[in-house]
Amino acid sequence: MLSEYLPILLFIGISAVIGGVLITLGSVLSPSNPNSEKSSPYECGFEAFEDTRGQVDVRFYLVAIMFIIFDLEIAFFIPWAVALDSLGVVGLIAMSIFVLELIVGFFIAWRRGALEWD
């Protein structure tokens, strides 16, 4: 049983050793001269407006989720396009239903004002 997991354990062990050595070398060899300018908060070229622990509007999350959904949709198109010849009409119908569901969801979110920034 151990012989089956030995290569994985060796890989994990070697990775941990290499990671530890690199972190140690970085902390030992890197120059450390902090000053107030380097330690100041930085946001888009100017000082932060408010505390970083403030509340974030839920619309940012909605837009991020919609981006992920449409990004995944594109990721599903690539293997579908490659295998379209072997899938035939059934694959075309299945992908059409998938795209239709995403379009309906997008229009529902648009209708409810999820994309409004006012």
C-alpha atoms as a PDB file:
ATOM      1  CA  MET A   1       0.000   0.000   0.000  1.00  0.00           C
ATOM      2  CA  LEU A   2       2.790   2.437   0.875  1.00  0.00           C
ATOM      3  CA  SER A   3       4.595   1.665  -2.377  1.00  0.00           C
ATOM      4  CA  GLU A   4       1.613   3.036  -4.325  1.00  0.00           C
ATOM      5  CA  TYR A   5       1.718   6.356  -2.459  1.00  0.00           C
ATOM      6  CA  LEU A   6       5.508   6.658  -2.216  1.00  0.00           C
ATOM      7  CA  PRO A   7       5.939   8.741  -5.413  1.00  0.00           C
ATOM      8  CA  ILE A   8       3.220  11.157  -4.251  1.00  0.00           C
ATOM      9  CA  LEU A   9       4.747  11.448  -0.785  1.00  0.00           C
ATOM     10  CA  LEU A  10       8.187  12.029  -2.309  1.00  0.00           C
ATOM     11  CA  PHE A  11       6.781  14.714  -4.586  1.00  0.00           C
ATOM     12  CA  ILE A  12       5.068  16.456  -1.658  1.00  0.00           C
ATOM     13  CA  GLY A  13       8.215  16.213   0.465  1.00  0.00           C
ATOM     14  CA  ILE A  14      10.524  17.563  -2.239  1.00  0.00           C
ATOM     15  CA  SER A  15       8.057  20.371  -2.991  1.00  0.00           C
ATOM     16  CA  ALA A  16       7.893  21.324   0.694  1.00  0.00           C
ATOM     17  CA  VAL A  17      11.693  21.358   0.976  1.00  0.00           C
ATOM     18  CA  ILE A  18      12.137  23.461  -2.177  1.00  0.00           C
ATOM     19  CA  GLY A  19       9.408  25.877  -1.036  1.00  0.00           C
ATOM     20  CA  GLY A  20      10.950  26.229   2.407  1.00  0.00           C
ATOM     21  CA  VAL A  21      14.422  26.816   0.966  1.00  0.00           C
ATOM     22  CA  LEU A  22      13.140  29.476  -1.442  1.00  0.00           C
ATOM     23  CA  ILE A  23      11.182  31.304   1.265  1.00  0.00           C
ATOM     24  CA  THR A  24      14.190  31.212   3.596  1.00  0.00           C
ATOM     25  CA  LEU A  25      16.556  32.446   0.885  1.00  0.00           C
ATOM     26  CA  GLY A  26      14.156  35.247  -0.009  1.00  0.00           C
ATOM     27  CA  SER A  27      13.854  36.462   3.550  1.00  0.00           C
ATOM     28  CA  VAL A  28      17.614  36.204   4.235  1.00  0.00           C
ATOM     29  CA  LEU A  29      18.919  37.724   0.990  1.00  0.00           C
ATOM     30  CA  SER A  30      16.331  40.427   0.334  1.00  0.00           C
ATOM     31  CA  PRO A  31      17.092  43.969   1.499  1.00  0.00           C
ATOM     32  CA  SER A  32      14.825  45.264   4.231  1.00  0.00           C
ATOM     33  CA  ASN A  33      14.559  49.037   4.363  1.00  0.00           C
ATOM     34  CA  PRO A  34      10.922  49.958   4.986  1.00  0.00           C
ATOM     35  CA  ASN A  35       9.890  53.581   5.118  1.00  0.00           C
ATOM     36  CA  SER A  36       6.613  55.426   5.478  1.00  0.00           C
ATOM     37  CA  GLU A  37       6.156  55.788   1.716  1.00  0.00           C
ATOM     38  CA  LYS A  38       6.476  52.047   1.116  1.00  0.00           C
ATOM     39  CA  SER A  39       4.205  51.172   4.026  1.00  0.00           C
ATOM     40  CA  SER A  40       1.411  53.569   3.031  1.00  0.00           C
ATOM     41  CA  PRO A  41      -1.840  52.157   1.587  1.00  0.00           C
ATOM     42  CA  TYR A  42      -1.980  52.411  -2.171  1.00  0.00           C
ATOM     43  CA  GLU A  43      -5.069  52.398  -4.332  1.00  0.00           C
ATOM     44  CA  CYS A  44      -4.935  53.354  -7.998  1.00  0.00           C
ATOM     45  CA  GLY A  45      -2.239  55.982  -7.554  1.00  0.00           C
ATOM     46  CA  PHE A  46      -3.759  57.863  -4.622  1.00  0.00           C
ATOM     47  CA  GLU A  47      -4.568  57.346  -0.967  1.00  0.00           C
ATOM     48  CA  ALA A  48      -7.491  55.133  -0.051  1.00  0.00           C
ATOM     49  CA  PHE A  49     -10.811  56.918   0.441  1.00  0.00           C
ATOM     50  CA  GLU A  50     -11.893  55.012   3.524  1.00  0.00           C
ATOM     51  CA  ASP A  51     -11.163  51.987   5.668  1.00  0.00           C
ATOM     52  CA  THR A  52     -10.491  48.805   3.713  1.00  0.00           C
ATOM     53  CA  ARG A  53     -12.880  46.877   5.932  1.00  0.00           C
ATOM     54  CA  GLY A  54     -15.897  48.862   4.757  1.00  0.00           C
ATOM     55  CA  GLN A  55     -18.958  47.343   3.173  1.00  0.00           C
ATOM     56  CA  VAL A  56     -18.899  46.589  -0.529  1.00  0.00           C
ATOM     57  CA  ASP A  57     -21.992  47.029  -2.651  1.00  0.00           C
ATOM     58  CA  VAL A  58     -23.618  43.744  -3.627  1.00  0.00           C
ATOM     59  CA  ARG A  59     -23.651  44.814  -7.282  1.00  0.00           C
ATOM     60  CA  PHE A  60     -19.912  44.215  -7.472  1.00  0.00           C
ATOM     61  CA  TYR A  61     -20.527  40.603  -6.525  1.00  0.00           C
ATOM     62  CA  LEU A  62     -23.373  40.261  -9.024  1.00  0.00           C
ATOM     63  CA  VAL A  63     -21.212  41.544 -11.847  1.00  0.00           C
ATOM     64  CA  ALA A  64     -18.374  39.247 -10.789  1.00  0.00           C
ATOM     65  CA  ILE A  65     -20.693  36.238 -10.736  1.00  0.00           C
ATOM     66  CA  MET A  66     -22.080  37.148 -14.146  1.00  0.00           C
ATOM     67  CA  PHE A  67     -18.543  37.465 -15.492  1.00  0.00           C
ATOM     68  CA  ILE A  68     -17.683  34.013 -14.165  1.00  0.00           C
ATOM     69  CA  ILE A  69     -20.852  32.538 -15.668  1.00  0.00           C
ATOM     70  CA  PHE A  70     -20.154  33.969 -19.112  1.00  0.00           C
ATOM     71  CA  ASP A  71     -16.491  33.032 -18.856  1.00  0.00           C
ATOM     72  CA  LEU A  72     -17.492  29.436 -18.143  1.00  0.00           C
ATOM     73  CA  GLU A  73     -19.920  29.574 -21.012  1.00  0.00           C
ATOM     74  CA  ILE A  74     -17.044  30.356 -23.356  1.00  0.00           C
ATOM     75  CA  ALA A  75     -15.020  27.535 -21.782  1.00  0.00           C
ATOM     76  CA  PHE A  76     -17.865  25.129 -22.623  1.00  0.00           C
ATOM     77  CA  PHE A  77     -17.987  26.316 -26.224  1.00  0.00           C
ATOM     78  CA  ILE A  78     -14.448  25.175 -27.055  1.00  0.00           C
ATOM     79  CA  PRO A  79     -14.849  21.417 -26.436  1.00  0.00           C
ATOM     80  CA  TRP A  80     -18.335  21.552 -27.925  1.00  0.00           C
ATOM     81  CA  ALA A  81     -17.006  23.123 -31.116  1.00  0.00           C
ATOM     82  CA  VAL A  82     -14.220  20.550 -31.351  1.00  0.00           C
ATOM     83  CA  ALA A  83     -16.617  17.615 -30.930  1.00  0.00           C
ATOM     84  CA  LEU A  84     -19.519  19.083 -32.913  1.00  0.00           C
ATOM     85  CA  ASP A  85     -19.150  16.616 -35.796  1.00  0.00           C
ATOM     86  CA  SER A  86     -19.479  13.614 -33.496  1.00  0.00           C
ATOM     87  CA  LEU A  87     -22.290  15.167 -31.421  1.00  0.00           C
ATOM     88  CA  GLY A  88     -24.516  15.979 -34.349  1.00  0.00           C
ATOM     89  CA  VAL A  89     -27.940  17.550 -33.970  1.00  0.00           C
ATOM     90  CA  VAL A  90     -28.333  16.359 -30.374  1.00  0.00           C
ATOM     91  CA  GLY A  91     -25.221  18.294 -29.339  1.00  0.00           C
ATOM     92  CA  LEU A  92     -26.431  21.366 -31.193  1.00  0.00           C
ATOM     93  CA  ILE A  93     -29.798  21.244 -29.435  1.00  0.00           C
ATOM     94  CA  ALA A  94     -28.193  20.680 -26.024  1.00  0.00           C
ATOM     95  CA  MET A  95     -25.842  23.655 -26.464  1.00  0.00           C
ATOM     96  CA  SER A  96     -28.690  25.799 -27.745  1.00  0.00           C
ATOM     97  CA  ILE A  97     -30.678  25.042 -24.581  1.00  0.00           C
ATOM     98  CA  PHE A  98     -27.609  25.850 -22.455  1.00  0.00           C
ATOM     99  CA  VAL A  99     -27.061  29.184 -24.191  1.00  0.00           C
ATOM    100  CA  LEU A 100     -30.760  30.009 -24.034  1.00  0.00           C
ATOM    101  CA  GLU A 101     -30.768  29.448 -20.257  1.00  0.00           C
ATOM    102  CA  LEU A 102     -27.816  31.797 -19.842  1.00  0.00           C
ATOM    103  CA  ILE A 103     -29.367  34.459 -22.039  1.00  0.00           C
ATOM    104  CA  VAL A 104     -32.646  34.281 -20.107  1.00  0.00           C
ATOM    105  CA  GLY A 105     -30.720  34.588 -16.832  1.00  0.00           C
ATOM    106  CA  PHE A 106     -28.817  37.584 -18.177  1.00  0.00           C
ATOM    107  CA  PHE A 107     -32.014  39.346 -19.220  1.00  0.00           C
ATOM    108  CA  ILE A 108     -33.647  38.621 -15.854  1.00  0.00           C
ATOM    109  CA  ALA A 109     -30.649  40.140 -14.064  1.00  0.00           C
ATOM    110  CA  TRP A 110     -30.707  43.098 -16.445  1.00  0.00           C
ATOM    111  CA  ARG A 111     -34.468  43.574 -15.917  1.00  0.00           C
ATOM    112  CA  ARG A 112     -34.086  43.530 -12.115  1.00  0.00           C
ATOM    113  CA  GLY A 113     -31.430  46.217 -12.290  1.00  0.00           C
ATOM    114  CA  ALA A 114     -28.381  44.132 -11.376  1.00  0.00           C
ATOM    115  CA  LEU A 115     -26.343  46.019 -13.972  1.00  0.00           C
ATOM    116  CA  GLU A 116     -27.457  49.506 -12.918  1.00  0.00           C
ATOM    117  CA  TRP A 117     -24.714  51.584 -11.233  1.00  0.00           C
ATOM    118  CA  ASP A 118     -26.810  54.579 -10.134  1.00  0.00           C
END
